[in-house]
Amino acid sequence: MNLAILGTGFIARFYAEALLAQRRKDRVVMAFGRDPQRVKAFASQYTIPHYRTVLAEAVSHPEVNAVIIALPNDRHLEAVLACAAAKKHVLCTKPLGRNAAEAWRMLKSIEAAGVMGGYLEDLCYTPKFLKSLASVRNGAIGDVVWARSREAHSGPHSEWFWNKTMAGGGAIIDLGCHCIEISRNFIGKNIRPVEVMCWADTRVHPIDAEDNAVGLVRYANGAMGQFEVSWTFRGGMDLRDEVMGTGGTVWMNNFLRTGFEMFSAGGQDAYVAEKAETDRGWLFPVGDEVHELGYSHMFTDMFDAIDNHRQPAETFYDGYIVNAIIDAAYRSVASKQWEPIGIDDWRGATDTTSTTSLHSFNDEYYLVKEELLPSGEKKIIVKNKKTGSIERWVG
């Protein structure tokens, strides 16, 4: 696969580092950036033979088979439309659009062009996530009732993120897109998200966008997805996920406290991990950041999908659904009410029923709770099927 990378900033470098460690048969042959000196330096650092400062020239270059978009949010639509016009497979960083309307245009453009659109949602490809998702899909925790995902740090690295118009919002669109898609995977992508309740505020930074938010996403089967995002958390990057099912629970600490800790009295002046705020004191380094954040698995899936003419695990349609949920979240912030999620083309299940289930204890009772007390006594609480009364089983 001959690849073009659009962008020369923070995420573009993560992608380049991941690609250098990939299948070894993929090559980055083109770099695009608006600043001639930056794109030249980027191409030189990663031994990329071609670079351009004109988007259409980079995308349409005859050696390029697929394009990776690592540009600011306000340039995603333009870049995707250029890829569709050139009939090049395109992989776009999150969020897909600044809103669902942009994401919808991107989705329809690549479908009309007959090319693959991969949604680069790296946190849905981390080793811990992939293993836990496989367990959930195999029924290890029963029916998923609730999924909670949290991402919090001290704020993004580039100035455009802080511009509400360029980014499309604040912490919700920057971090909430990760959390929402993580929950969607655990609950089931074929289950329709129905409505959102969201609180957001600007607590610390002198910006127009929100720097903190908490949201609830209700799904058609009764499951709930919860996202917590912050640009004001101090002490590193906190990535945590929890999934509660009728038969078990998953808990993951993905980044901040992963079992690798060290103390430094100072003097190293070195990079520790993404969003680390200091290089002294107690530190939480990451052994292989590119791998732990999911980039390696993500690109493997994307390129294998192109090779085998299939859809990747994360598609442009997924990106569109996430944008639709975020749009509803922003409406909820303004209205302070539950807001419906507008989806123009729902492609999942339409006959979803609630996963709520009652466990029968015997012909007369439902089981509420069974517990072994410190005294050694087993206590069983039941509900009478006829009267509805809650009782202690003494039979």
Protein backbone atom coordinates (compact mmCIF):
# COMPACT_ATOMS: atom_id res chain seq x y z
CA MET A 1 0.00 0.00 0.00
CA ASN A 2 1.39 3.40 -1.03
CA LEU A 3 0.11 6.02 1.38
CA ALA A 4 -0.23 9.78 1.62
CA ILE A 5 -0.35 11.51 5.01
CA LEU A 6 -2.18 14.83 5.07
CA GLY A 7 -0.85 16.89 7.96
CA THR A 8 2.46 17.30 9.76
CA GLY A 9 1.39 17.86 13.36
CA PHE A 10 1.06 15.80 16.53
CA ILE A 11 -1.35 13.13 15.26
CA ALA A 12 0.40 12.88 11.88
CA ARG A 13 3.61 11.98 13.70
CA PHE A 14 1.83 9.32 15.76
CA TYR A 15 0.47 7.85 12.54
CA ALA A 16 3.88 7.94 10.85
CA GLU A 17 5.49 6.21 13.83
CA ALA A 18 2.81 3.51 13.76
CA LEU A 19 3.18 3.00 10.02
CA LEU A 20 6.94 2.58 10.30
CA ALA A 21 6.29 -0.38 12.62
CA GLN A 22 3.50 -1.83 10.47
CA ARG A 23 3.39 -4.72 8.02
CA ARG A 24 6.58 -3.52 6.28
CA LYS A 25 4.91 -3.75 2.90
CA ASP A 26 3.21 -0.37 3.31
CA ARG A 27 5.06 2.81 2.34
CA VAL A 28 4.32 6.46 2.98
CA VAL A 29 5.15 8.03 -0.37
CA MET A 30 3.51 11.44 0.01
CA ALA A 31 3.24 14.11 2.71
CA PHE A 32 1.02 17.17 2.58
CA GLY A 33 1.24 20.33 4.64
CA ARG A 34 0.46 23.98 4.07
CA ASP A 35 3.80 25.19 5.45
CA PRO A 36 6.59 24.39 2.93
CA GLN A 37 9.32 24.16 5.56
CA ARG A 38 7.33 21.98 7.95
CA VAL A 39 6.21 19.50 5.29
CA LYS A 40 9.71 19.30 3.90
CA ALA A 41 11.12 18.56 7.36
CA PHE A 42 8.36 15.99 8.03
CA ALA A 43 9.06 14.20 4.75
CA SER A 44 12.77 14.17 5.47
CA GLN A 45 12.34 12.80 9.02
CA TYR A 46 10.21 9.87 7.84
CA THR A 47 12.02 9.31 4.52
CA ILE A 48 8.95 10.19 2.45
CA PRO A 49 9.95 10.68 -1.22
CA HIS A 50 7.28 13.23 -2.19
CA TYR A 51 5.68 16.20 -0.47
CA ARG A 52 3.20 18.85 -1.57
CA THR A 53 1.61 22.03 -0.27
CA VAL A 54 -1.45 21.73 -2.55
CA LEU A 55 -4.04 19.24 -1.27
CA ALA A 56 -5.36 18.07 -4.65
CA GLU A 57 -1.84 17.41 -5.93
CA ALA A 58 -0.98 15.25 -2.91
CA VAL A 59 -4.18 13.20 -3.08
CA SER A 60 -4.21 12.65 -6.85
CA HIS A 61 -0.54 11.67 -7.15
CA PRO A 62 -0.36 8.47 -9.25
CA GLU A 63 1.78 6.59 -6.71
CA VAL A 64 -0.78 7.07 -3.91
CA ASN A 65 -3.25 4.20 -3.25
CA ALA A 66 -4.78 5.43 0.01
CA VAL A 67 -4.84 8.67 1.99
CA ILE A 68 -4.57 9.24 5.75
CA ILE A 69 -6.13 12.48 6.99
CA ALA A 70 -4.39 13.96 10.02
CA LEU A 71 -5.63 17.53 9.59
CA PRO A 72 -7.57 19.93 11.85
CA ASN A 73 -11.31 19.22 12.06
CA ASP A 74 -12.32 22.08 9.77
CA ARG A 75 -10.33 20.56 6.89
CA HIS A 76 -11.68 17.00 7.04
CA LEU A 77 -14.59 17.60 4.66
CA GLU A 78 -12.42 19.26 2.03
CA ALA A 79 -9.85 16.46 2.23
CA VAL A 80 -12.42 13.63 2.04
CA LEU A 81 -14.14 15.21 -0.96
CA ALA A 82 -10.74 15.47 -2.69
CA CYS A 83 -10.07 11.77 -2.00
CA ALA A 84 -13.48 10.78 -3.31
CA ALA A 85 -12.92 12.84 -6.47
CA ALA A 86 -9.57 11.09 -6.99
CA LYS A 87 -11.16 7.70 -6.11
CA LYS A 88 -8.61 7.02 -3.37
CA HIS A 89 -9.35 5.00 -0.24
CA VAL A 90 -9.36 7.38 2.71
CA LEU A 91 -8.72 6.96 6.44
CA CYS A 92 -9.76 9.96 8.53
CA THR A 93 -8.80 10.83 12.08
CA LYS A 94 -11.50 11.42 14.66
CA PRO A 95 -13.94 13.14 14.80
CA LEU A 96 -15.10 12.52 11.25
CA GLY A 97 -16.79 15.93 10.97
CA ARG A 98 -17.44 18.97 13.09
CA ASN A 99 -21.10 17.94 13.01
CA ALA A 100 -23.30 15.22 11.55
CA ALA A 101 -24.07 17.23 8.40
CA GLU A 102 -20.37 17.30 7.47
CA ALA A 103 -19.93 13.63 8.35
CA TRP A 104 -22.95 12.71 6.21
CA ARG A 105 -21.47 14.49 3.17
CA MET A 106 -18.18 12.64 3.68
CA LEU A 107 -19.94 9.28 4.00
CA LYS A 108 -22.05 9.78 0.88
CA SER A 109 -19.05 11.01 -1.15
CA ILE A 110 -16.92 7.92 -0.55
CA GLU A 111 -19.86 5.58 -1.08
CA ALA A 112 -20.59 7.27 -4.42
CA ALA A 113 -16.91 7.00 -5.38
CA GLY A 114 -16.78 3.31 -4.48
CA VAL A 115 -13.80 3.70 -2.12
CA MET A 116 -13.33 2.63 1.49
CA GLY A 117 -13.71 5.13 4.30
CA GLY A 118 -11.96 4.12 7.51
CA TYR A 119 -12.64 6.00 10.76
CA LEU A 120 -9.37 6.29 12.71
CA GLU A 121 -10.76 5.78 16.22
CA ASP A 122 -7.60 4.46 17.85
CA LEU A 123 -9.06 3.89 21.33
CA CYS A 124 -11.32 1.21 19.84
CA TYR A 125 -8.18 -0.70 18.84
CA THR A 126 -6.14 -0.75 22.05
CA PRO A 127 -5.06 -4.26 23.14
CA LYS A 128 -7.13 -4.05 26.33
CA PHE A 129 -10.19 -2.84 24.47
CA LEU A 130 -9.99 -5.53 21.79
CA LYS A 131 -9.64 -8.31 24.36
CA SER A 132 -12.43 -7.01 26.58
CA LEU A 133 -14.74 -6.45 23.59
CA ALA A 134 -14.18 -10.03 22.44
CA SER A 135 -15.10 -11.26 25.93
CA VAL A 136 -18.25 -9.13 26.02
CA ARG A 137 -19.31 -10.34 22.56
CA ASN A 138 -18.73 -13.93 23.69
CA GLY A 139 -21.21 -13.40 26.53
CA ALA A 140 -18.74 -13.23 29.41
CA ILE A 141 -20.69 -10.53 31.26
CA GLY A 142 -24.18 -11.22 29.94
CA ASP A 143 -26.29 -8.40 28.48
CA VAL A 144 -24.61 -5.00 28.70
CA VAL A 145 -26.67 -2.67 30.87
CA TRP A 146 -24.31 0.29 31.21
CA ALA A 147 -20.99 1.40 29.71
CA ARG A 148 -18.95 4.28 31.06
CA SER A 149 -15.93 5.85 29.38
CA ARG A 150 -13.79 8.68 30.71
CA GLU A 151 -11.05 10.74 29.05
CA ALA A 152 -9.53 13.66 30.89
CA HIS A 153 -6.32 15.66 30.61
CA SER A 154 -5.09 19.26 30.82
CA GLY A 155 -6.10 20.19 27.28
CA PRO A 156 -5.10 19.66 23.64
CA HIS A 157 -1.71 20.37 22.15
CA SER A 158 -2.55 22.60 19.14
CA GLU A 159 -4.11 26.05 19.07
CA TRP A 160 -6.88 25.16 16.60
CA PHE A 161 -8.42 22.71 19.10
CA TRP A 162 -9.26 25.67 21.34
CA ASN A 163 -11.08 27.48 18.51
CA LYS A 164 -14.75 26.46 18.68
CA THR A 165 -15.39 27.22 15.01
CA MET A 166 -12.40 25.26 13.71
CA ALA A 167 -12.86 22.29 16.04
CA GLY A 168 -16.67 22.18 16.09
CA GLY A 169 -16.81 22.38 19.86
CA GLY A 170 -14.62 21.71 22.86
CA ALA A 171 -13.95 18.71 25.07
CA ILE A 172 -17.10 16.89 23.91
CA ILE A 173 -16.11 16.70 20.26
CA ASP A 174 -12.41 16.22 21.04
CA LEU A 175 -12.69 13.53 23.72
CA GLY A 176 -16.35 12.56 23.79
CA CYS A 177 -16.08 11.07 20.31
CA HIS A 178 -13.70 8.44 21.77
CA CYS A 179 -15.91 7.70 24.76
CA ILE A 180 -19.13 7.48 22.76
CA GLU A 181 -17.70 5.01 20.25
CA ILE A 182 -16.19 2.87 23.01
CA SER A 183 -19.62 2.55 24.64
CA ARG A 184 -21.29 1.89 21.26
CA ASN A 185 -19.00 -1.08 20.71
CA PHE A 186 -19.73 -2.62 24.09
CA ILE A 187 -23.51 -2.02 23.92
CA GLY A 188 -23.66 -3.10 20.27
CA LYS A 189 -23.35 -0.98 17.15
CA ASN A 190 -26.55 -2.48 15.78
CA ILE A 191 -28.48 -1.01 18.74
CA ARG A 192 -29.83 2.43 17.90
CA PRO A 193 -28.83 5.35 20.15
CA VAL A 194 -32.07 7.17 20.93
CA GLU A 195 -31.48 10.28 23.03
CA VAL A 196 -28.88 12.22 25.02
CA MET A 197 -28.78 14.19 28.25
CA CYS A 198 -25.64 16.27 28.66
CA TRP A 199 -24.15 18.87 30.98
CA ALA A 200 -21.18 20.97 29.90
CA ASP A 201 -19.44 24.09 31.17
CA THR A 202 -16.34 26.21 30.67
CA ARG A 203 -14.74 26.07 34.09
CA VAL A 204 -11.08 27.04 33.69
CA HIS A 205 -9.94 28.18 30.24
CA PRO A 206 -10.71 31.55 28.56
CA ILE A 207 -12.40 29.92 25.55
CA ASP A 208 -15.86 29.85 23.98
CA ALA A 209 -16.11 26.04 23.98
CA GLU A 210 -16.72 23.70 26.91
CA ASP A 211 -13.75 22.33 28.87
CA ASN A 212 -15.77 19.83 30.97
CA ALA A 213 -18.80 17.67 30.21
CA VAL A 214 -20.76 14.63 31.36
CA GLY A 215 -23.33 12.95 29.14
CA LEU A 216 -25.76 10.02 29.09
CA VAL A 217 -26.73 8.25 25.87
CA ARG A 218 -29.82 6.03 26.02
CA TYR A 219 -30.07 3.12 23.57
CA ALA A 220 -33.16 1.44 22.12
CA ASN A 221 -32.64 -1.71 24.23
CA GLY A 222 -32.52 0.29 27.46
CA ALA A 223 -28.71 0.24 27.82
CA MET A 224 -26.99 3.44 28.89
CA GLY A 225 -23.70 4.87 27.68
CA GLN A 226 -21.99 7.46 29.87
CA PHE A 227 -19.15 9.77 28.84
CA GLU A 228 -17.03 12.00 31.06
CA VAL A 229 -14.59 14.42 29.44
CA SER A 230 -12.33 17.18 30.72
CA TRP A 231 -9.65 19.56 29.52
CA THR A 232 -8.89 20.60 33.12
CA PHE A 233 -7.73 17.33 34.69
CA ARG A 234 -4.20 17.64 36.08
CA GLY A 235 -1.59 14.89 36.35
CA GLY A 236 -1.52 13.27 32.92
CA MET A 237 -4.09 11.59 30.70
CA ASP A 238 -6.81 9.58 32.39
CA LEU A 239 -8.38 6.95 30.11
CA ARG A 240 -10.76 4.57 31.88
CA ASP A 241 -13.62 2.34 30.78
CA GLU A 242 -16.19 0.35 32.75
CA VAL A 243 -18.82 -2.04 31.41
CA MET A 244 -21.57 -3.54 33.55
CA GLY A 245 -23.53 -6.55 32.36
CA THR A 246 -26.18 -8.80 33.82
CA GLY A 247 -23.53 -11.43 34.47
CA GLY A 248 -20.28 -9.57 35.04
CA THR A 249 -18.21 -6.40 34.87
CA VAL A 250 -15.21 -5.06 32.92
CA TRP A 251 -12.94 -2.35 34.34
CA MET A 252 -9.98 -0.92 32.41
CA ASN A 253 -7.36 1.70 33.23
CA ASN A 254 -5.86 2.30 29.81
CA PHE A 255 -3.16 4.90 30.29
CA LEU A 256 -2.57 6.79 33.51
CA ARG A 257 -1.94 3.91 35.94
CA THR A 258 -0.98 0.82 34.00
CA GLY A 259 1.57 -0.83 36.31
CA PHE A 260 4.61 1.10 35.01
CA GLU A 261 5.63 3.72 37.57
CA MET A 262 8.93 5.46 38.29
CA PHE A 263 10.23 8.29 40.44
CA SER A 264 12.66 10.88 39.12
CA ALA A 265 14.32 13.64 41.13
CA GLY A 266 14.83 15.49 37.84
CA GLY A 267 17.47 15.89 35.21
CA GLN A 268 16.19 13.72 32.35
CA ASP A 269 14.33 16.50 30.45
CA ALA A 270 12.65 13.85 28.31
CA TYR A 271 9.24 12.96 26.90
CA VAL A 272 7.36 10.69 29.31
CA ALA A 273 3.93 10.04 27.75
CA GLU A 274 1.18 11.92 25.96
CA LYS A 275 -0.21 14.77 28.11
CA ALA A 276 2.29 14.13 30.92
CA GLU A 277 2.77 17.48 32.67
CA THR A 278 6.16 16.90 34.25
CA ASP A 279 9.30 14.81 33.91
CA ARG A 280 10.08 14.59 37.63
CA GLY A 281 8.48 13.16 40.72
CA TRP A 282 6.28 10.07 40.36
CA LEU A 283 5.85 9.36 36.65
CA PHE A 284 3.69 6.94 34.69
CA PRO A 285 5.50 6.17 31.43
CA VAL A 286 4.03 3.97 28.70
CA GLY A 287 6.14 1.13 27.34
CA ASP A 288 5.02 1.36 23.70
CA GLU A 289 2.72 4.33 23.38
CA VAL A 290 1.85 3.78 19.71
CA HIS A 291 0.84 0.18 20.43
CA GLU A 292 -0.94 0.85 23.74
CA LEU A 293 -3.06 3.62 22.17
CA GLY A 294 -4.23 1.27 19.43
CA TYR A 295 -2.51 2.71 16.37
CA SER A 296 -0.81 -0.54 15.35
CA HIS A 297 -3.97 -2.66 15.45
CA MET A 298 -5.96 0.15 13.85
CA PHE A 299 -3.83 0.44 10.73
CA THR A 300 -3.52 -3.33 10.41
CA ASP A 301 -7.31 -3.59 10.34
CA MET A 302 -7.65 -0.70 7.88
CA PHE A 303 -5.14 -2.03 5.36
CA ASP A 304 -6.36 -5.61 5.66
CA ALA A 305 -9.87 -4.32 4.95
CA ILE A 306 -8.67 -2.62 1.76
CA ASP A 307 -6.71 -5.71 0.71
CA ASN A 308 -9.64 -8.05 1.31
CA HIS A 309 -12.42 -5.75 0.04
CA ARG A 310 -14.25 -5.63 3.36
CA GLN A 311 -15.26 -2.91 5.79
CA PRO A 312 -12.94 -2.17 8.75
CA ALA A 313 -14.14 -2.36 12.34
CA GLU A 314 -14.49 1.45 12.37
CA THR A 315 -16.09 3.00 9.28
CA PHE A 316 -17.21 6.41 8.08
CA TYR A 317 -20.75 5.34 9.01
CA ASP A 318 -19.58 4.87 12.60
CA GLY A 319 -18.03 8.34 12.49
CA TYR A 320 -21.35 9.75 11.25
CA ILE A 321 -23.31 8.09 14.09
CA VAL A 322 -20.85 9.49 16.65
CA ASN A 323 -21.26 12.99 15.18
CA ALA A 324 -25.05 12.61 15.34
CA ILE A 325 -24.83 11.70 19.04
CA ILE A 326 -22.52 14.67 19.71
CA ASP A 327 -24.93 17.03 17.92
CA ALA A 328 -27.70 15.86 20.26
CA ALA A 329 -25.37 16.32 23.24
CA TYR A 330 -24.76 19.95 22.32
CA ARG A 331 -28.52 20.51 21.90
CA SER A 332 -29.03 19.00 25.35
CA VAL A 333 -26.43 21.30 26.88
CA ALA A 334 -28.47 24.25 25.59
CA SER A 335 -31.94 22.91 26.42
CA LYS A 336 -31.03 21.12 29.67
CA GLN A 337 -33.33 18.29 28.56
CA TRP A 338 -33.11 14.88 26.90
CA GLU A 339 -32.63 15.49 23.18
CA PRO A 340 -33.40 12.98 20.40
CA ILE A 341 -30.57 11.77 18.17
CA GLY A 342 -31.22 12.55 14.52
CA ILE A 343 -29.97 9.78 12.19
CA ASP A 344 -30.82 10.14 8.50
CA ASP A 345 -30.03 6.55 7.57
CA TRP A 346 -30.13 4.01 10.40
CA ARG A 347 -28.49 0.77 9.26
CA GLY A 348 -28.80 -1.30 12.42
CA ALA A 349 -31.54 -3.31 14.11
CA THR A 350 -35.08 -1.94 13.98
CA ASP A 351 -36.81 -4.48 16.23
CA THR A 352 -34.78 -3.87 19.37
CA THR A 353 -36.36 -4.82 22.66
CA SER A 354 -35.25 -4.02 26.18
CA THR A 355 -32.58 -6.25 27.69
CA THR A 356 -34.32 -6.02 31.08
CA SER A 357 -34.92 -9.55 32.31
CA LEU A 358 -36.41 -11.10 35.43
CA HIS A 359 -34.71 -14.18 36.83
CA SER A 360 -37.17 -16.78 38.00
CA PHE A 361 -36.45 -18.37 41.39
CA ASN A 362 -39.30 -20.87 41.15
CA ASP A 363 -42.86 -20.95 39.90
CA GLU A 364 -43.98 -18.49 42.57
CA TYR A 365 -41.07 -16.06 42.91
CA TYR A 366 -38.49 -14.03 41.00
CA LEU A 367 -34.98 -13.88 42.46
CA VAL A 368 -33.96 -10.40 43.62
CA LYS A 369 -30.71 -11.10 45.47
CA GLU A 370 -28.78 -14.02 46.89
CA GLU A 371 -25.94 -13.30 49.35
CA LEU A 372 -23.72 -15.07 51.85
CA LEU A 373 -23.57 -13.01 55.05
CA PRO A 374 -20.51 -12.66 57.35
CA SER A 375 -22.22 -15.01 59.78
CA GLY A 376 -22.18 -17.74 57.15
CA GLU A 377 -25.94 -17.55 56.65
CA LYS A 378 -27.22 -17.49 53.07
CA LYS A 379 -29.83 -14.77 52.56
CA ILE A 380 -32.22 -14.91 49.59
CA ILE A 381 -34.56 -12.06 48.67
CA VAL A 382 -37.41 -12.78 46.25
CA LYS A 383 -40.37 -11.07 44.60
CA ASN A 384 -43.80 -12.67 44.57
CA LYS A 385 -44.90 -13.06 40.95
CA LYS A 386 -48.58 -12.54 41.78
CA THR A 387 -48.58 -9.86 44.48
CA GLY A 388 -45.32 -8.06 43.64
CA SER A 389 -44.26 -8.08 47.29
CA ILE A 390 -40.54 -8.27 48.16
CA GLU A 391 -39.88 -11.02 50.69
CA ARG A 392 -37.13 -12.98 52.35
CA TRP A 393 -37.14 -16.60 51.24
CA VAL A 394 -37.45 -18.87 54.23
CA GLY A 395 -38.41 -22.09 52.47
